N, C-alpha and C. Protein backbone atom coordinates (compact mmCIF):
# COMPACT_ATOMS: atom_id res chain seq x y z
N UNK A 1 185.07 62.57 256.99
CA UNK A 1 185.52 62.76 257.73
C UNK A 1 185.55 62.14 258.74
N UNK A 2 185.79 61.04 259.57
CA UNK A 2 185.63 60.95 260.71
C UNK A 2 184.93 61.25 262.01
N UNK A 3 183.59 61.12 262.53
CA UNK A 3 183.54 62.08 263.75
C UNK A 3 183.55 61.29 264.96
N UNK A 4 184.05 61.54 266.25
CA UNK A 4 183.37 60.80 267.52
C UNK A 4 181.57 60.14 267.36
N UNK A 5 181.74 58.93 267.58
CA UNK A 5 180.48 58.37 267.95
C UNK A 5 180.06 58.46 269.50
N UNK A 6 179.54 59.63 269.55
CA UNK A 6 178.73 59.41 270.97
C UNK A 6 177.65 59.35 271.33
N UNK A 7 176.51 58.65 272.79
CA UNK A 7 175.35 58.75 273.26
C UNK A 7 174.83 60.03 273.19
N UNK A 8 173.47 60.51 272.37
CA UNK A 8 173.24 61.63 272.51
C UNK A 8 173.15 61.81 271.06
N UNK A 9 174.17 61.53 270.50
CA UNK A 9 174.48 62.18 268.59
C UNK A 9 173.85 61.98 268.24
N UNK A 10 173.55 62.03 266.53
CA UNK A 10 173.30 62.25 265.59
C UNK A 10 173.81 61.75 264.10
N UNK A 11 173.72 60.67 263.38
CA UNK A 11 174.62 60.52 262.28
C UNK A 11 173.09 60.59 261.16
N UNK A 12 173.89 60.50 260.04
CA UNK A 12 173.48 60.30 258.81
C UNK A 12 173.76 59.21 257.99
N UNK A 13 172.95 58.46 257.76
CA UNK A 13 173.27 57.50 256.52
C UNK A 13 173.35 58.02 255.46
N UNK A 14 173.80 57.24 254.05
CA UNK A 14 173.62 57.78 252.91
C UNK A 14 174.20 56.42 252.34
N UNK A 15 173.32 55.95 250.58
CA UNK A 15 173.71 55.34 249.75
C UNK A 15 173.56 53.70 250.23
N UNK A 16 172.89 53.72 251.83
CA UNK A 16 172.67 52.26 251.79
C UNK A 16 170.89 52.20 251.62
N UNK A 17 170.67 51.07 251.76
CA UNK A 17 169.51 50.15 251.48
C UNK A 17 168.34 51.38 252.06
N UNK A 18 167.08 52.03 251.59
CA UNK A 18 166.20 53.09 252.00
C UNK A 18 165.81 53.61 253.72
N UNK A 19 165.59 51.70 253.71
CA UNK A 19 165.16 52.00 255.38
C UNK A 19 166.18 52.00 256.04
N UNK A 20 167.37 52.04 255.53
CA UNK A 20 168.88 52.18 256.55
C UNK A 20 169.30 53.71 255.87
N UNK A 21 168.95 54.32 255.22
CA UNK A 21 169.51 55.73 254.92
C UNK A 21 168.61 56.62 255.88
N UNK A 22 169.05 57.70 256.21
CA UNK A 22 168.88 58.90 256.75
C UNK A 22 169.08 59.51 258.02
N UNK A 23 168.45 59.95 258.80
CA UNK A 23 169.33 60.28 260.38
C UNK A 23 169.09 59.36 261.15
N UNK A 24 169.71 59.37 262.10
CA UNK A 24 169.80 58.34 263.32
C UNK A 24 170.01 58.54 264.39
N UNK A 25 169.61 58.90 265.97
CA UNK A 25 170.27 59.31 266.46
C UNK A 25 170.64 58.14 267.59
N UNK A 26 171.64 58.47 268.32
CA UNK A 26 172.06 57.42 268.84
C UNK A 26 172.13 57.73 270.06
N UNK A 27 171.30 56.24 270.63
CA UNK A 27 170.72 56.32 272.04
C UNK A 27 171.78 56.20 273.20
N UNK A 28 172.91 55.52 272.49
CA UNK A 28 173.76 55.09 273.77
C UNK A 28 175.30 54.45 272.23
N UNK A 29 176.79 54.44 272.65
CA UNK A 29 177.74 53.73 272.42
C UNK A 29 178.87 53.43 273.02
N UNK A 30 179.28 52.06 273.16
CA UNK A 30 180.29 51.49 273.46
C UNK A 30 181.16 51.26 272.48
N UNK A 31 182.15 51.48 272.59
CA UNK A 31 183.95 51.06 271.88
C UNK A 31 184.51 50.28 273.11
N UNK A 32 184.76 48.77 272.06
CA UNK A 32 186.14 48.40 272.97
C UNK A 32 186.35 47.39 272.26
N UNK A 33 188.17 47.16 272.34
CA UNK A 33 189.78 46.77 271.53
C UNK A 33 188.66 45.26 272.10
N UNK A 34 189.35 44.51 271.01
CA UNK A 34 189.43 43.50 271.04
C UNK A 34 190.59 42.47 270.44
N UNK A 35 190.31 41.11 269.90
CA UNK A 35 191.26 40.62 269.37
C UNK A 35 191.08 40.85 268.05
N UNK A 36 190.01 41.16 267.26
CA UNK A 36 190.20 42.06 265.98
C UNK A 36 189.46 43.14 265.42
N UNK A 37 190.28 43.75 266.42
CA UNK A 37 190.43 45.10 266.36
C UNK A 37 188.98 46.30 267.46
N UNK A 38 188.78 47.28 266.62
CA UNK A 38 187.61 48.36 267.22
C UNK A 38 186.69 47.92 267.05
N UNK A 39 185.87 47.82 268.02
CA UNK A 39 184.57 47.37 267.94
C UNK A 39 183.42 48.22 268.64
N UNK A 40 182.31 48.95 267.78
CA UNK A 40 181.83 49.58 268.11
C UNK A 40 180.15 49.26 267.80
N UNK A 41 179.47 49.41 269.42
CA UNK A 41 177.85 48.72 269.50
C UNK A 41 176.58 49.94 269.72
N UNK A 42 176.19 50.03 269.31
CA UNK A 42 175.29 51.64 269.60
C UNK A 42 173.71 50.91 269.50
N UNK A 43 173.12 51.69 270.40
CA UNK A 43 171.72 51.35 270.06
C UNK A 43 170.49 53.07 269.93
N UNK A 44 170.41 52.81 268.68
CA UNK A 44 170.01 53.91 267.85
C UNK A 44 167.87 53.70 267.87
N UNK A 45 167.79 54.63 267.19
CA UNK A 45 166.29 54.93 266.71
C UNK A 45 166.61 56.15 265.77
N UNK A 46 165.50 55.92 264.41
CA UNK A 46 165.93 56.70 263.36
C UNK A 46 164.31 57.91 263.46
N UNK A 47 165.37 58.76 263.24
CA UNK A 47 164.84 60.17 262.72
C UNK A 47 165.43 60.99 264.11
N UNK A 48 164.97 62.08 264.15
CA UNK A 48 165.25 62.95 264.97
C UNK A 48 165.38 63.19 266.49
N UNK A 49 166.20 63.08 267.31
CA UNK A 49 166.26 62.81 269.14
C UNK A 49 164.77 64.12 269.58
N UNK A 50 163.83 63.67 270.32
CA UNK A 50 163.08 64.63 271.17
C UNK A 50 163.26 64.97 271.80
């Protein structure tokens, strides 16, 4: 299920390299449409928000 990606949120990545898998806190997220489609960029850090 696809959920909204918003700054201040948390995502859990699974099935990736061990250093990428786990819980990530999204500090900021931006979305834009360009000629290639929807582009999402985020600033994040691994682990729970403080």
